């Protein structure tokens, strides 16, 4: 986000310090140089590793030159991005050729074998495909690719310094709190926790895809009579491309979750600073205005690609659940892989719900900000030297704030999220009581 006054200092962008990113030892903060040391600490512990991950995914340039643009670097970045797009497109084609659906995997049914005795317990499966080309392959693939291109545009063409600037501001704001060092260590661990959860989700998704590929015979469309070696190569390529699809969307969604977490923490630090230290009202209001711009960037620029991915993921959850309970009007002969099918639906549920949870947490923190002005008026000692008119200005300003995190252009709050979950659980219970779910 290009804005004067919030640019990252050179020491924050050009430090060459090599430290263990999992070493959470904070620099001493008793001197003026501690601000520089703190920014270098923030850069080495979380910012640089995560920006490298975004570069590998293609959302940021693979090779950057901060001094002057270089044609060779631009050409390498351009070729690398094209390769990533080709890998995405190849994955869509292979999924269609193998009739591999992300909501249920491959569809197998038990085939009878007249050469087996009735006493023999042997299951033979054959692949069938009742998937709609438009609704099962074309539309989900087109939405997935559209979300990637939107995220790529936001990161590449909008002068996006939001993440570095936001992380810098959060760490600097924590120095004004009474427990600054512990807050900074906790923040680094929280951010790495989100990254670790993303890696675990991708690993479990890879395990589910590999198990689906090896569960039964797979026939690729137009390659029915291909040699076994070619079929094996196509299976491996299918797994690689599908993993890449998951890496792309998991990175985009985790970026949204990281930025909402940083904004939530930033707002908490600003409130703590106002309540614990005497500050100038105009200075504090200026901080909130900067927060509003960053929140607007997330709602208007980052959220759309997340919403597209979430829409596809929610369709996978709904379709997978209906198929698992045999409510597909056509595909009634297929046999789900009980453990893997449940894991597959659970993974899509997690990645679909995560942005809503983070958005609701941020919205709840924005709602608590409206009460900060009234709480300031009740502090008898911290702001006793502040003129009454300044306190009234803070009270009126905070009471007029209407800040919310938005997904699908709808403000997301905790109470509405709980209402949706309760309604979903109620529908499940009623359907079970009406014998729509067979528990035998």
Protein backbone atom coordinates (compact mmCIF):
# COMPACT_ATOMS: atom_id res chain seq x y z
CA UNK A 1 0.00 0.00 0.00
CA UNK A 2 1.59 3.18 -1.15
CA UNK A 3 1.20 5.84 1.52
CA UNK A 4 3.62 8.53 2.63
CA UNK A 5 4.80 8.22 6.18
CA UNK A 6 4.46 4.47 6.51
CA UNK A 7 7.27 3.27 4.26
CA UNK A 8 9.51 0.58 5.63
CA UNK A 9 12.91 1.85 6.82
CA UNK A 10 15.97 0.71 4.80
CA UNK A 11 17.24 -1.34 7.72
CA UNK A 12 13.97 -3.25 7.65
CA UNK A 13 14.32 -4.15 3.98
CA UNK A 14 18.04 -4.60 3.50
CA UNK A 15 19.30 -6.33 6.61
CA UNK A 16 21.57 -9.27 5.87
CA UNK A 17 21.59 -10.75 9.35
CA UNK A 18 21.43 -14.56 9.32
CA UNK A 19 19.63 -15.93 12.36
CA UNK A 20 17.69 -19.01 13.24
CA UNK A 21 14.06 -18.13 12.52
CA UNK A 22 12.89 -20.32 15.38
CA UNK A 23 15.08 -18.51 17.93
CA UNK A 24 12.64 -16.21 19.70
CA UNK A 25 15.23 -14.29 21.74
CA UNK A 26 14.32 -10.63 21.56
CA UNK A 27 16.83 -7.78 21.46
CA UNK A 28 17.17 -5.53 24.48
CA UNK A 29 14.96 -2.46 24.16
CA UNK A 30 16.67 0.01 26.49
CA UNK A 31 18.36 2.17 23.83
CA UNK A 32 17.25 4.14 20.80
CA UNK A 33 18.87 1.59 18.47
CA UNK A 34 16.51 -1.05 19.82
CA UNK A 35 13.88 0.07 17.27
CA UNK A 36 16.21 -0.88 14.42
CA UNK A 37 17.10 -4.16 16.15
CA UNK A 38 13.41 -4.91 16.64
CA UNK A 39 12.63 -4.37 12.97
CA UNK A 40 15.54 -6.60 11.94
CA UNK A 41 14.29 -9.24 14.38
CA UNK A 42 10.80 -9.07 12.87
CA UNK A 43 12.21 -9.31 9.35
CA UNK A 44 14.41 -12.33 10.07
CA UNK A 45 11.93 -14.30 12.16
CA UNK A 46 8.79 -14.21 10.04
CA UNK A 47 8.73 -11.67 7.20
CA UNK A 48 11.58 -12.87 4.98
CA UNK A 49 10.71 -16.61 5.17
CA UNK A 50 7.06 -15.91 4.39
CA UNK A 51 7.87 -13.56 1.50
CA UNK A 52 10.10 -16.27 0.04
CA UNK A 53 7.15 -18.66 0.22
CA UNK A 54 4.99 -16.15 -1.66
CA UNK A 55 7.74 -15.88 -4.29
CA UNK A 56 7.85 -19.65 -4.76
CA UNK A 57 4.08 -19.74 -5.23
CA UNK A 58 4.41 -16.95 -7.79
CA UNK A 59 2.47 -14.25 -5.97
CA UNK A 60 5.61 -12.14 -5.66
CA UNK A 61 8.57 -11.91 -8.07
CA UNK A 62 10.95 -14.84 -7.73
CA UNK A 63 13.99 -12.57 -8.11
CA UNK A 64 13.89 -8.95 -6.97
CA UNK A 65 16.37 -6.12 -7.39
CA UNK A 66 15.63 -3.18 -5.11
CA UNK A 67 18.24 -0.89 -6.68
CA UNK A 68 17.06 -0.76 -10.30
CA UNK A 69 14.89 -2.90 -12.60
CA UNK A 70 16.75 -5.57 -14.53
CA UNK A 71 15.46 -7.08 -17.77
CA UNK A 72 17.02 -10.47 -16.99
CA UNK A 73 15.29 -10.65 -13.61
CA UNK A 74 11.98 -9.57 -15.12
CA UNK A 75 12.31 -12.19 -17.86
CA UNK A 76 13.05 -14.96 -15.33
CA UNK A 77 10.05 -13.90 -13.21
CA UNK A 78 7.85 -13.84 -16.30
CA UNK A 79 8.92 -17.32 -17.45
CA UNK A 80 8.52 -18.72 -13.93
CA UNK A 81 4.98 -17.35 -13.67
CA UNK A 82 4.06 -18.86 -17.04
CA UNK A 83 5.35 -22.25 -15.87
CA UNK A 84 3.19 -22.06 -12.76
CA UNK A 85 0.11 -21.21 -14.82
CA UNK A 86 0.85 -24.09 -17.21
CA UNK A 87 1.13 -26.43 -14.21
CA UNK A 88 -2.29 -25.27 -13.00
CA UNK A 89 -3.85 -25.77 -16.44
CA UNK A 90 -2.24 -29.19 -16.81
CA UNK A 91 -3.73 -30.20 -13.46
CA UNK A 92 -7.22 -29.20 -14.58
CA UNK A 93 -6.88 -31.26 -17.77
CA UNK A 94 -5.51 -34.31 -15.95
CA UNK A 95 -8.32 -34.19 -13.39
CA UNK A 96 -10.84 -34.25 -16.22
CA UNK A 97 -9.01 -37.05 -18.04
CA UNK A 98 -8.94 -39.20 -14.89
CA UNK A 99 -12.42 -38.13 -13.76
CA UNK A 100 -10.88 -36.99 -10.48
CA UNK A 101 -13.17 -34.75 -8.47
CA UNK A 102 -11.93 -32.74 -5.50
CA UNK A 103 -15.18 -33.28 -3.58
CA UNK A 104 -15.05 -37.08 -3.70
CA UNK A 105 -11.94 -38.26 -5.53
CA UNK A 106 -12.29 -41.16 -7.95
CA UNK A 107 -15.60 -42.99 -8.27
CA UNK A 108 -15.37 -46.79 -8.01
CA UNK A 109 -18.04 -49.45 -7.81
CA UNK A 110 -17.72 -53.08 -6.89
CA UNK A 111 -17.61 -55.30 -9.97
CA UNK A 112 -18.77 -58.87 -9.95
CA UNK A 113 -16.31 -61.57 -11.05
CA UNK A 114 -17.91 -64.80 -12.28
CA UNK A 115 -14.63 -66.69 -11.85
CA UNK A 116 -14.60 -66.25 -8.06
CA UNK A 117 -16.29 -68.72 -5.74
CA UNK A 118 -19.08 -67.41 -3.53
CA UNK A 119 -17.06 -68.24 -0.42
CA UNK A 120 -14.14 -66.07 -1.51
CA UNK A 121 -14.08 -62.56 -0.02
CA UNK A 122 -12.46 -60.50 -2.73
CA UNK A 123 -13.46 -56.98 -3.73
CA UNK A 124 -12.85 -55.91 -7.32
CA UNK A 125 -13.46 -52.29 -8.22
CA UNK A 126 -13.97 -50.64 -11.56
CA UNK A 127 -13.95 -46.91 -12.26
CA UNK A 128 -17.11 -45.13 -13.35
CA UNK A 129 -17.64 -41.47 -14.11
CA UNK A 130 -20.97 -39.71 -13.77
CA UNK A 131 -19.42 -36.25 -13.30
CA UNK A 132 -20.84 -33.28 -15.17
CA UNK A 133 -18.16 -31.71 -17.34
CA UNK A 134 -19.51 -28.19 -16.75
CA UNK A 135 -20.31 -28.28 -13.04
CA UNK A 136 -17.66 -30.74 -11.84
CA UNK A 137 -14.66 -29.62 -13.89
CA UNK A 138 -15.02 -26.47 -16.00
CA UNK A 139 -16.65 -24.13 -13.47
CA UNK A 140 -14.52 -25.14 -10.41
CA UNK A 141 -11.32 -25.01 -12.49
CA UNK A 142 -12.21 -21.63 -14.00
CA UNK A 143 -12.99 -20.18 -10.55
CA UNK A 144 -9.77 -21.61 -9.11
CA UNK A 145 -7.72 -20.06 -11.93
CA UNK A 146 -9.60 -16.75 -11.64
CA UNK A 147 -8.81 -16.57 -7.91
CA UNK A 148 -5.13 -17.19 -8.61
CA UNK A 149 -4.99 -14.46 -11.28
CA UNK A 150 -6.75 -12.00 -8.98
CA UNK A 151 -4.31 -12.69 -6.15
CA UNK A 152 -1.41 -12.43 -8.60
CA UNK A 153 -2.68 -9.05 -9.81
CA UNK A 154 -3.07 -7.71 -6.28
CA UNK A 155 0.42 -8.77 -5.22
CA UNK A 156 2.21 -7.78 -8.43
CA UNK A 157 0.47 -4.66 -9.77
CA UNK A 158 -0.89 -2.76 -6.77
CA UNK A 159 2.37 -1.65 -5.14
CA UNK A 160 1.56 -4.06 -2.32
CA UNK A 161 3.68 -3.25 0.72
CA UNK A 162 0.82 -4.03 3.07
CA UNK A 163 2.34 -7.07 4.75
CA UNK A 164 5.81 -5.60 5.50
CA UNK A 165 4.38 -2.24 6.62
CA UNK A 166 1.67 -3.88 8.71
CA UNK A 167 4.13 -6.20 10.42
CA UNK A 168 6.46 -3.27 11.12
CA UNK A 169 3.66 -1.22 12.67
CA UNK A 170 2.47 -4.09 14.85
CA UNK A 171 5.93 -4.71 16.27
CA UNK A 172 6.57 -1.01 16.87
CA UNK A 173 3.17 -0.59 18.57
CA UNK A 174 3.97 -3.44 20.93
CA UNK A 175 6.91 -1.48 22.37
CA UNK A 176 4.45 0.93 24.01
CA UNK A 177 2.75 -1.77 26.06
CA UNK A 178 3.74 -2.92 29.53
CA UNK A 179 4.52 -6.47 28.34
CA UNK A 180 6.07 -5.58 25.00
CA UNK A 181 8.67 -8.34 24.75
CA UNK A 182 6.32 -11.16 25.69
CA UNK A 183 3.72 -9.78 23.27
CA UNK A 184 6.25 -9.77 20.44
CA UNK A 185 7.36 -13.33 21.14
CA UNK A 186 3.74 -14.45 21.32
CA UNK A 187 2.98 -12.70 18.03
CA UNK A 188 5.86 -14.43 16.22
CA UNK A 189 4.75 -17.81 17.55
CA UNK A 190 1.16 -17.11 16.50
CA UNK A 191 2.19 -16.22 12.95
CA UNK A 192 4.35 -19.33 12.67
CA UNK A 193 1.44 -21.33 14.05
CA UNK A 194 -0.68 -20.22 11.07
CA UNK A 195 2.11 -21.16 8.67
CA UNK A 196 2.48 -24.56 10.36
CA UNK A 197 -1.26 -25.22 10.12
CA UNK A 198 -1.11 -24.39 6.41
CA UNK A 199 1.73 -26.87 5.91
CA UNK A 200 -0.15 -29.56 7.85
CA UNK A 201 -3.28 -28.98 5.75
CA UNK A 202 -1.30 -29.35 2.52
CA UNK A 203 0.43 -32.50 3.80
CA UNK A 204 -2.89 -34.13 4.78
CA UNK A 205 -4.40 -33.19 1.44
CA UNK A 206 -1.42 -34.76 -0.33
CA UNK A 207 -1.86 -37.95 1.71
CA UNK A 208 -5.56 -38.10 0.80
CA UNK A 209 -4.85 -37.61 -2.93
CA UNK A 210 -2.10 -40.26 -2.95
CA UNK A 211 -4.39 -42.74 -1.20
CA UNK A 212 -7.17 -42.05 -3.71
CA UNK A 213 -4.81 -42.53 -6.66
CA UNK A 214 -3.54 -45.88 -5.33
CA UNK A 215 -6.92 -47.20 -4.18
CA UNK A 216 -8.09 -48.62 -7.50
CA UNK A 217 -7.50 -48.78 -11.25
CA UNK A 218 -7.52 -45.41 -13.00
CA UNK A 219 -8.24 -44.94 -16.67
CA UNK A 220 -7.29 -41.64 -18.32
CA UNK A 221 -9.60 -40.39 -21.04
CA UNK A 222 -8.04 -40.68 -24.53
CA UNK A 223 -5.25 -42.81 -23.00
CA UNK A 224 -7.14 -46.06 -22.39
CA UNK A 225 -4.61 -48.21 -24.26
CA UNK A 226 -1.46 -46.42 -23.10
CA UNK A 227 1.46 -48.50 -21.75
CA UNK A 228 1.59 -49.00 -17.96
CA UNK A 229 4.61 -46.70 -17.70
CA UNK A 230 2.72 -43.81 -19.29
CA UNK A 231 -0.26 -44.34 -17.00
CA UNK A 232 2.02 -44.35 -13.95
CA UNK A 233 3.65 -41.13 -15.12
CA UNK A 234 0.26 -39.49 -15.58
CA UNK A 235 -0.74 -40.56 -12.06
CA UNK A 236 2.41 -38.99 -10.60
CA UNK A 237 1.85 -35.83 -12.61
CA UNK A 238 -1.76 -35.72 -11.44
CA UNK A 239 -0.63 -35.87 -7.80
CA UNK A 240 1.97 -33.12 -8.36
CA UNK A 241 -0.48 -30.80 -10.13
CA UNK A 242 -3.19 -31.39 -7.54
CA UNK A 243 -0.69 -30.61 -4.78
CA UNK A 244 0.18 -27.40 -6.58
CA UNK A 245 -3.51 -26.44 -6.72
CA UNK A 246 -3.70 -26.89 -2.95
CA UNK A 247 -0.46 -24.96 -2.35
CA UNK A 248 -1.77 -21.98 -4.32
CA UNK A 249 -5.07 -21.67 -2.56
CA UNK A 250 -3.67 -22.52 0.89
CA UNK A 251 -1.07 -19.77 0.49
CA UNK A 252 -3.65 -17.17 -0.56
CA UNK A 253 -5.98 -18.08 2.29
CA UNK A 254 -3.16 -18.20 4.85
CA UNK A 255 -2.01 -14.76 3.67
CA UNK A 256 -5.50 -13.44 4.41
CA UNK A 257 -5.50 -15.11 7.83
CA UNK A 258 -2.05 -13.72 8.64
CA UNK A 259 -3.00 -10.18 7.68
CA UNK A 260 -6.26 -10.29 9.65
CA UNK A 261 -4.34 -11.64 12.64
CA UNK A 262 -1.83 -8.78 12.35
CA UNK A 263 -4.63 -6.22 12.10
CA UNK A 264 -6.34 -7.73 15.14
CA UNK A 265 -3.12 -7.57 17.15
CA UNK A 266 -2.39 -4.07 15.89
CA UNK A 267 -5.79 -2.85 17.07
CA UNK A 268 -5.27 -4.49 20.46
CA UNK A 269 -1.92 -2.73 20.85
CA UNK A 270 -3.45 0.63 19.88
CA UNK A 271 -6.19 0.24 22.47
CA UNK A 272 -3.67 -0.77 25.12
CA UNK A 273 -1.50 2.20 24.25
CA UNK A 274 -4.43 4.59 24.67
CA UNK A 275 -5.53 3.06 27.96
CA UNK A 276 -2.09 2.74 29.57
CA UNK A 277 -0.27 5.84 28.32
CA UNK A 278 -1.21 9.51 27.86
CA UNK A 279 -1.25 10.19 24.12
CA UNK A 280 -2.23 13.05 21.87
CA UNK A 281 -5.76 12.48 20.54
CA UNK A 282 -4.86 13.58 17.00
CA UNK A 283 -1.90 11.22 16.97
CA UNK A 284 -4.03 8.27 18.09
CA UNK A 285 -6.77 9.13 15.59
CA UNK A 286 -4.12 9.20 12.86
CA UNK A 287 -3.15 5.63 13.83
CA UNK A 288 -6.78 4.52 13.55
CA UNK A 289 -7.12 6.18 10.15
CA UNK A 290 -4.08 4.20 8.97
CA UNK A 291 -5.72 1.05 10.35
CA UNK A 292 -8.88 1.86 8.38
CA UNK A 293 -6.87 2.10 5.15
CA UNK A 294 -5.21 -1.26 5.81
CA UNK A 295 -8.57 -2.84 6.65
CA UNK A 296 -10.01 -1.40 3.45
CA UNK A 297 -7.15 -2.91 1.46
CA UNK A 298 -7.90 -6.37 2.89
CA UNK A 299 -11.65 -6.05 2.33
CA UNK A 300 -11.38 -4.66 -1.21
CA UNK A 301 -8.20 -6.24 -2.60
CA UNK A 302 -7.22 -9.37 -0.66
CA UNK A 303 -10.66 -10.75 0.21
CA UNK A 304 -12.09 -11.29 -3.33
CA UNK A 305 -9.65 -14.06 -4.26
CA UNK A 306 -10.21 -15.67 -0.85
CA UNK A 307 -13.97 -15.51 -1.43
CA UNK A 308 -13.65 -17.28 -4.79
CA UNK A 309 -11.56 -20.06 -3.26
CA UNK A 310 -14.00 -20.31 -0.34
CA UNK A 311 -16.96 -20.58 -2.72
CA UNK A 312 -15.34 -23.53 -4.50
CA UNK A 313 -14.35 -25.14 -1.19
CA UNK A 314 -17.86 -24.84 0.23
CA UNK A 315 -19.25 -26.49 -2.90
CA UNK A 316 -16.78 -29.36 -2.38
CA UNK A 317 -17.92 -29.76 1.24
CA UNK A 318 -21.62 -29.78 0.34
CA UNK A 319 -21.23 -32.10 -2.63
CA UNK A 320 -18.95 -34.45 -0.70
CA UNK A 321 -21.34 -34.74 2.24
CA UNK A 322 -24.34 -35.41 -0.02
CA UNK A 323 -22.39 -38.06 -1.94
CA UNK A 324 -21.08 -39.66 1.22
CA UNK A 325 -24.65 -40.13 2.49
CA UNK A 326 -25.77 -41.40 -0.96
CA UNK A 327 -27.96 -38.41 -1.87
CA UNK A 328 -26.52 -37.95 -5.35
CA UNK A 329 -29.44 -38.41 -7.74
CA UNK A 330 -27.27 -40.23 -10.32
CA UNK A 331 -24.08 -41.45 -8.68
CA UNK A 332 -25.50 -44.09 -6.31
CA UNK A 333 -23.31 -47.08 -7.15
CA UNK A 334 -19.96 -45.70 -6.06
CA UNK A 335 -18.29 -46.79 -2.83
CA UNK A 336 -16.70 -44.05 -0.67
CA UNK A 337 -13.34 -44.69 0.98
CA UNK A 338 -14.68 -44.17 4.49
CA UNK A 339 -11.62 -42.75 6.22
CA UNK A 340 -10.21 -40.83 3.27
CA UNK A 341 -13.59 -39.49 2.16
CA UNK A 342 -14.26 -38.14 5.65
CA UNK A 343 -10.74 -36.63 5.77
CA UNK A 344 -11.27 -35.04 2.36
CA UNK A 345 -14.52 -33.36 3.43
CA UNK A 346 -12.98 -32.30 6.75
CA UNK A 347 -10.02 -30.65 4.98
CA UNK A 348 -12.30 -28.67 2.68
CA UNK A 349 -14.43 -27.67 5.67
CA UNK A 350 -11.40 -26.35 7.57
CA UNK A 351 -10.03 -24.29 4.70
CA UNK A 352 -13.53 -22.92 3.97
CA UNK A 353 -14.26 -21.90 7.57
CA UNK A 354 -10.83 -20.45 8.47
CA UNK A 355 -11.28 -17.06 6.71
CA UNK A 356 -14.67 -16.56 8.39
CA UNK A 357 -13.21 -17.24 11.83
CA UNK A 358 -10.35 -14.78 11.31
CA UNK A 359 -12.69 -12.15 9.85
CA UNK A 360 -15.07 -12.50 12.80
CA UNK A 361 -12.20 -12.11 15.29
CA UNK A 362 -11.10 -8.92 13.55
CA UNK A 363 -14.67 -7.58 13.44
CA UNK A 364 -15.14 -8.29 17.15
CA UNK A 365 -11.95 -6.35 17.92
CA UNK A 366 -13.24 -3.46 15.79
CA UNK A 367 -16.46 -3.54 17.77
CA UNK A 368 -14.58 -3.33 21.08
CA UNK A 369 -12.76 -0.27 19.73
CA UNK A 370 -16.03 1.66 19.88
CA UNK A 371 -16.06 1.29 23.67
CA UNK A 372 -12.48 2.49 24.10
CA UNK A 373 -13.44 6.17 24.22
CA UNK A 374 -15.85 5.59 27.09
CA UNK A 375 -13.25 3.56 28.94
CA UNK A 376 -10.72 6.38 28.56
CA UNK A 377 -13.13 8.77 30.26
CA UNK A 378 -13.29 6.48 33.29
CA UNK A 379 -9.50 6.35 33.80
CA UNK A 380 -8.84 8.84 36.63
CA UNK A 381 -5.02 8.84 36.57
CA UNK A 382 -3.70 8.01 33.10
CA UNK A 383 -5.40 10.92 31.32
CA UNK A 384 -5.85 13.36 34.18
CA UNK A 385 -3.61 15.92 32.45
CA UNK A 386 -5.44 15.58 29.12
CA UNK A 387 -7.93 18.38 28.41
CA UNK A 388 -11.55 17.39 28.65
CA UNK A 389 -12.23 18.49 25.09
CA UNK A 390 -9.59 16.07 23.80
CA UNK A 391 -11.18 13.20 25.71
CA UNK A 392 -14.56 14.14 24.30
CA UNK A 393 -13.05 14.09 20.80
CA UNK A 394 -11.76 10.55 21.33
CA UNK A 395 -15.14 9.47 22.71
CA UNK A 396 -17.06 10.89 19.74
CA UNK A 397 -14.56 9.53 17.23
CA UNK A 398 -14.55 5.95 18.55
CA UNK A 399 -18.34 5.91 18.94
CA UNK A 400 -18.73 6.83 15.27
CA UNK A 401 -16.46 4.03 13.99
CA UNK A 402 -18.14 1.30 11.96
CA UNK A 403 -15.32 -1.01 11.01
CA UNK A 404 -15.88 -4.63 9.98
CA UNK A 405 -13.96 -7.32 8.13
CA UNK A 406 -15.92 -8.36 5.05
CA UNK A 407 -16.18 -11.51 2.98
CA UNK A 408 -18.49 -11.68 -0.05
CA UNK A 409 -19.09 -7.94 0.64
CA UNK A 410 -20.83 -8.91 3.90
CA UNK A 411 -19.56 -7.83 7.35
CA UNK A 412 -18.49 -10.93 9.27
CA UNK A 413 -19.08 -10.92 13.02
CA UNK A 414 -18.89 -13.63 15.65
CA UNK A 415 -22.58 -13.57 16.53
CA UNK A 416 -23.69 -14.06 12.92
CA UNK A 417 -21.10 -16.78 12.45
CA UNK A 418 -22.39 -18.62 15.51
CA UNK A 419 -25.93 -18.23 14.20
CA UNK A 420 -24.96 -19.85 10.89
CA UNK A 421 -23.22 -22.75 12.66
CA UNK A 422 -26.22 -23.25 14.94
CA UNK A 423 -28.60 -23.27 11.96
CA UNK A 424 -26.41 -25.82 10.16
CA UNK A 425 -26.23 -28.07 13.24
CA UNK A 426 -30.01 -27.77 13.68
CA UNK A 427 -30.60 -28.82 10.07
CA UNK A 428 -28.32 -31.84 10.52
CA UNK A 429 -30.15 -32.87 13.71
CA UNK A 430 -33.61 -32.50 12.17
CA UNK A 431 -32.61 -34.44 9.03
CA UNK A 432 -31.24 -37.21 11.23
CA UNK A 433 -34.43 -37.34 13.28
CA UNK A 434 -36.42 -37.58 10.05
CA UNK A 435 -34.33 -40.61 8.98
CA UNK A 436 -32.51 -38.87 6.17
CA UNK A 437 -29.21 -40.10 7.64
CA UNK A 438 -28.79 -43.83 8.07
CA UNK A 439 -26.84 -44.61 11.24
CA UNK A 440 -27.02 -48.40 10.91
